[in-house]
Amino acid sequence: MEIQDNQEFYDSGWPEWYDMKEYGPASKHVRRLVFSLLHIVKFQSVMDAGCGVATLLDDISKEFEGKDLFGFEYSADAVKIAEKRLPQAKFWQVDLSTQKAPVTVDLVTCIDVLEHIPDDLSAMKNLYDMTKKYVVIVVPLGPLFEAERVRVGHVHGYTQKEFDTKLEKTGFKIIHRIRWGFPFYNLYRRLLHILPEKTVTGKFSITKRIMTQILYLLLFVNLPVWGDRYFLICEKADVRPS
């Protein structure tokens, strides 16, 4: 069975990825830039598609108080962790490529998810149906690295043009985009491929947290061009293209 279709892979992975998502330098910058997009639009209800252990939703609950919070995840174990972490939100186990959550919301976030899904167009169509107005999406750009395929289940290596075309075919209009990562995140991403997997997974010690904070500060020096991370906020069309 392919990794990206194996729920057991993600169930076993989330306990190892928890601290990486919480403290990892790239993950913290991703949330920072996602928030810059969220402040562009107005919304009352938000759902995180592929919410993991609710790291982003937890931060949204603090930054945007009083919002209606929802999330779903492919991994049943991650859903259980998310429910304990953020009891005021509603969570479901959903396979985005074939299913939808049972609610529609003003805004859907989908952060580092679509590159894991073989039928990403079907997943985008489901995102379209679940949002009343907006979607915020983050994906990596560049080649499909073997280490990312094996370690975290990536199946796509997107170009910007390819990804924009898929969004337009789905019925989304891009409001704003950010390319982030040049030069230091791009280098950091490639360095991780040759380091042991435990470098960024597992429980982060105090020493490891200090090192990740130093890297986090370094990544502020990135230029907003030609980065490997692609951030978009899109508005849905009134009628999805057939």
Protein backbone atom coordinates (compact mmCIF):
# COMPACT_ATOMS: atom_id res chain seq x y z
CA MET A 1 0.00 0.00 0.00
CA GLU A 2 1.26 3.48 -0.82
CA ILE A 3 2.22 5.61 2.16
CA GLN A 4 -0.22 8.39 1.33
CA ASP A 5 -3.13 5.87 1.36
CA ASN A 6 -2.11 4.21 4.62
CA GLN A 7 -3.91 5.61 7.65
CA GLU A 8 -1.59 3.71 9.97
CA PHE A 9 1.34 5.73 8.58
CA TYR A 10 -0.29 9.01 9.65
CA ASP A 11 -1.61 7.61 12.95
CA SER A 12 1.92 6.61 13.93
CA GLY A 13 3.40 9.78 12.44
CA TRP A 14 1.47 12.47 14.34
CA PRO A 15 2.93 11.71 17.78
CA GLU A 16 6.38 12.06 16.18
CA TRP A 17 5.44 15.26 14.30
CA TYR A 18 3.68 17.03 17.21
CA ASP A 19 6.68 19.06 18.43
CA MET A 20 7.90 19.67 14.89
CA LYS A 21 4.60 21.39 14.08
CA GLU A 22 4.60 23.26 17.38
CA TYR A 23 8.22 24.44 17.54
CA GLY A 24 9.77 23.76 14.12
CA PRO A 25 11.16 26.95 12.54
CA ALA A 26 9.46 26.40 9.18
CA SER A 27 6.14 25.48 10.80
CA LYS A 28 6.16 28.66 12.91
CA HIS A 29 6.85 30.80 9.84
CA VAL A 30 4.07 29.02 7.95
CA ARG A 31 1.59 29.97 10.68
CA ARG A 32 2.92 33.54 10.74
CA LEU A 33 2.38 33.94 6.99
CA VAL A 34 -1.00 32.19 7.09
CA PHE A 35 -2.10 34.75 9.69
CA SER A 36 -1.03 37.56 7.37
CA LEU A 37 -3.48 36.15 4.81
CA LEU A 38 -6.26 35.62 7.34
CA HIS A 39 -6.13 39.30 8.26
CA ILE A 40 -6.94 40.23 4.65
CA VAL A 41 -10.52 38.93 4.83
CA LYS A 42 -13.43 38.85 7.29
CA PHE A 43 -14.85 35.56 8.56
CA GLN A 44 -16.80 34.19 11.48
CA SER A 45 -16.39 30.45 10.93
CA VAL A 46 -13.18 28.67 9.96
CA MET A 47 -12.34 25.03 9.29
CA ASP A 48 -8.84 23.58 9.02
CA ALA A 49 -8.73 20.83 6.40
CA GLY A 50 -6.05 18.36 7.41
CA CYS A 51 -5.83 19.94 10.86
CA GLY A 52 -3.38 17.46 12.32
CA VAL A 53 -3.28 17.92 16.09
CA ALA A 54 -4.98 21.37 15.84
CA THR A 55 -1.79 23.44 16.09
CA LEU A 56 -3.05 26.08 13.64
CA LEU A 57 -6.62 26.09 14.95
CA ASP A 58 -5.34 26.57 18.50
CA ASP A 59 -3.40 29.65 17.39
CA ILE A 60 -6.40 30.94 15.42
CA SER A 61 -8.57 30.62 18.55
CA LYS A 62 -6.15 32.96 20.35
CA GLU A 63 -5.55 35.43 17.50
CA PHE A 64 -9.19 35.62 16.36
CA GLU A 65 -11.29 35.29 19.49
CA GLY A 66 -14.94 34.29 19.24
CA LYS A 67 -14.73 32.47 15.91
CA ASP A 68 -16.55 29.20 15.21
CA LEU A 69 -13.84 26.55 14.90
CA PHE A 70 -13.93 23.29 12.96
CA GLY A 71 -11.34 20.83 11.72
CA PHE A 72 -10.90 17.46 10.12
CA GLU A 73 -8.05 15.05 9.65
CA TYR A 74 -7.35 11.77 7.85
CA SER A 75 -5.74 10.29 10.96
CA ALA A 76 -8.16 9.10 13.64
CA ASP A 77 -5.44 9.37 16.30
CA ALA A 78 -4.74 12.99 15.36
CA VAL A 79 -8.46 13.79 15.68
CA LYS A 80 -8.46 12.43 19.24
CA ILE A 81 -5.47 14.62 20.14
CA ALA A 82 -7.09 17.67 18.52
CA GLU A 83 -10.35 17.13 20.45
CA LYS A 84 -8.49 17.09 23.77
CA ARG A 85 -6.38 20.08 22.84
CA LEU A 86 -9.22 22.31 21.61
CA PRO A 87 -12.51 21.10 23.16
CA GLN A 88 -14.43 24.20 21.99
CA ALA A 89 -13.92 23.16 18.34
CA LYS A 90 -15.68 20.41 16.39
CA PHE A 91 -13.57 17.76 14.64
CA TRP A 92 -14.19 14.88 12.23
CA GLN A 93 -12.18 12.15 10.58
CA VAL A 94 -12.40 12.87 6.83
CA ASP A 95 -10.56 11.70 3.72
CA LEU A 96 -10.43 14.96 1.75
CA SER A 97 -9.98 13.22 -1.59
CA THR A 98 -13.37 11.48 -1.31
CA GLN A 99 -15.30 13.13 1.53
CA LYS A 100 -16.47 16.46 2.92
CA ALA A 101 -17.07 17.67 6.45
CA PRO A 102 -20.78 18.00 7.31
CA VAL A 103 -20.64 21.81 7.56
CA THR A 104 -19.82 24.77 5.33
CA VAL A 105 -17.86 27.73 6.71
CA ASP A 106 -16.77 31.22 5.72
CA LEU A 107 -13.13 30.21 5.34
CA VAL A 108 -11.26 26.92 4.95
CA THR A 109 -7.54 26.56 5.59
CA CYS A 110 -5.62 23.74 3.94
CA ILE A 111 -1.98 23.89 5.01
CA ASP A 112 0.59 21.44 3.62
CA VAL A 113 -2.08 18.88 2.77
CA LEU A 114 -2.72 18.70 -0.98
CA GLU A 115 0.81 17.51 -1.76
CA HIS A 116 -0.10 14.30 0.16
CA ILE A 117 -3.20 13.48 -1.90
CA PRO A 118 -2.89 11.64 -5.24
CA ASP A 119 -6.25 12.97 -6.53
CA ASP A 120 -5.62 16.56 -5.51
CA LEU A 121 -8.20 17.93 -7.96
CA SER A 122 -10.98 16.01 -6.21
CA ALA A 123 -9.69 17.33 -2.91
CA MET A 124 -9.77 20.90 -4.25
CA LYS A 125 -13.35 20.42 -5.40
CA ASN A 126 -14.29 19.29 -1.91
CA LEU A 127 -12.61 22.38 -0.47
CA TYR A 128 -14.68 24.48 -2.88
CA ASP A 129 -17.89 22.87 -1.66
CA MET A 130 -17.04 23.31 2.03
CA THR A 131 -16.26 27.03 1.94
CA LYS A 132 -18.83 29.78 1.53
CA LYS A 133 -16.25 32.33 0.47
CA TYR A 134 -12.51 31.85 1.02
CA VAL A 135 -9.78 29.25 1.16
CA VAL A 136 -6.17 29.62 2.35
CA ILE A 137 -3.80 27.04 0.90
CA VAL A 138 -0.12 26.32 1.46
CA VAL A 139 1.89 23.81 -0.59
CA PRO A 140 5.57 23.20 -1.27
CA LEU A 141 6.90 23.98 -4.73
CA GLY A 142 9.75 22.27 -6.52
CA PRO A 143 10.63 18.66 -7.22
CA LEU A 144 9.17 15.70 -5.36
CA PHE A 145 12.03 14.81 -3.06
CA GLU A 146 12.38 11.14 -2.23
CA ALA A 147 12.99 11.86 1.46
CA GLU A 148 9.72 13.78 1.70
CA ARG A 149 7.86 11.03 -0.11
CA VAL A 150 9.13 8.37 2.30
CA ARG A 151 9.17 10.34 5.55
CA VAL A 152 5.99 12.41 5.31
CA GLY A 153 4.03 10.97 2.38
CA HIS A 154 4.36 13.63 -0.34
CA VAL A 155 3.16 12.56 -3.80
CA HIS A 156 3.31 15.86 -5.73
CA GLY A 157 6.11 18.20 -6.70
CA TYR A 158 4.27 21.30 -7.93
CA THR A 159 5.30 24.21 -10.11
CA GLN A 160 3.56 27.52 -9.43
CA LYS A 161 1.93 27.54 -12.86
CA GLU A 162 0.67 23.97 -12.46
CA PHE A 163 -0.85 24.67 -9.07
CA ASP A 164 -2.46 27.96 -10.15
CA THR A 165 -4.04 26.17 -13.11
CA LYS A 166 -5.53 23.49 -10.86
CA LEU A 167 -7.03 26.14 -8.59
CA GLU A 168 -8.57 27.97 -11.56
CA LYS A 169 -10.01 24.72 -12.93
CA THR A 170 -11.60 24.12 -9.53
CA GLY A 171 -13.24 27.55 -9.53
CA PHE A 172 -11.00 29.57 -7.21
CA LYS A 173 -9.83 33.10 -7.93
CA ILE A 174 -6.48 33.98 -6.35
CA ILE A 175 -6.70 37.13 -4.22
CA HIS A 176 -3.15 37.20 -2.93
CA ARG A 177 -0.10 34.94 -3.11
CA ILE A 178 3.25 34.72 -1.33
CA ARG A 179 6.37 32.85 -2.43
CA TRP A 180 8.57 32.35 0.63
CA GLY A 181 11.83 30.59 1.41
CA PHE A 182 14.73 31.99 -0.64
CA PRO A 183 17.49 31.42 0.21
CA PHE A 184 17.61 29.99 3.74
CA TYR A 185 14.44 27.90 3.92
CA ASN A 186 15.23 26.39 0.52
CA LEU A 187 18.67 25.40 1.81
CA TYR A 188 17.26 24.19 5.13
CA ARG A 189 14.71 22.01 3.34
CA ARG A 190 17.42 20.31 1.28
CA LEU A 191 19.73 19.89 4.26
CA LEU A 192 17.04 17.98 6.13
CA HIS A 193 17.04 15.34 3.38
CA ILE A 194 20.56 14.24 4.28
CA LEU A 195 20.14 14.43 8.08
CA PRO A 196 18.61 11.69 10.23
CA GLU A 197 14.83 11.84 10.43
CA LYS A 198 15.02 12.29 14.22
CA THR A 199 16.61 15.70 13.62
CA VAL A 200 13.13 17.22 13.29
CA THR A 201 10.82 14.56 14.75
CA GLY A 202 10.12 13.27 18.22
CA LYS A 203 10.09 15.19 21.49
CA PHE A 204 12.01 18.47 21.33
CA SER A 205 14.47 18.89 24.22
CA ILE A 206 15.35 22.34 25.61
CA THR A 207 18.53 22.31 23.51
CA LYS A 208 16.59 21.38 20.41
CA ARG A 209 14.07 24.17 21.05
CA ILE A 210 16.87 26.72 21.40
CA MET A 211 18.39 25.59 18.10
CA THR A 212 15.03 25.75 16.33
CA GLN A 213 14.48 29.28 17.70
CA ILE A 214 17.82 30.36 16.23
CA LEU A 215 16.81 28.87 12.88
CA TYR A 216 13.41 30.56 13.16
CA LEU A 217 15.11 33.97 13.49
CA LEU A 218 17.42 33.20 10.57
CA LEU A 219 14.45 32.42 8.32
CA PHE A 220 13.19 35.99 8.74
CA VAL A 221 16.01 36.96 6.36
CA ASN A 222 14.35 35.12 3.46
CA LEU A 223 13.43 37.20 0.43
CA PRO A 224 9.79 37.11 -0.81
CA VAL A 225 10.73 35.57 -4.18
CA TRP A 226 11.45 32.10 -5.54
CA GLY A 227 10.79 30.34 -2.30
CA ASP A 228 9.82 26.68 -2.04
CA ARG A 229 6.72 27.46 0.07
CA TYR A 230 3.63 28.80 -1.72
CA PHE A 231 0.86 30.62 0.19
CA LEU A 232 -2.45 31.63 -1.39
CA ILE A 233 -5.75 33.08 -0.34
CA CYS A 234 -8.51 32.47 -2.87
CA GLU A 235 -12.15 33.39 -3.31
CA LYS A 236 -14.59 30.90 -4.75
CA ALA A 237 -16.52 31.62 -7.92
CA ASP A 238 -20.30 31.68 -7.81
CA VAL A 239 -20.41 28.61 -10.05
CA ARG A 240 -17.70 25.95 -10.12
CA PRO A 241 -16.46 25.14 -13.66
CA SER A 242 -17.81 21.86 -14.98
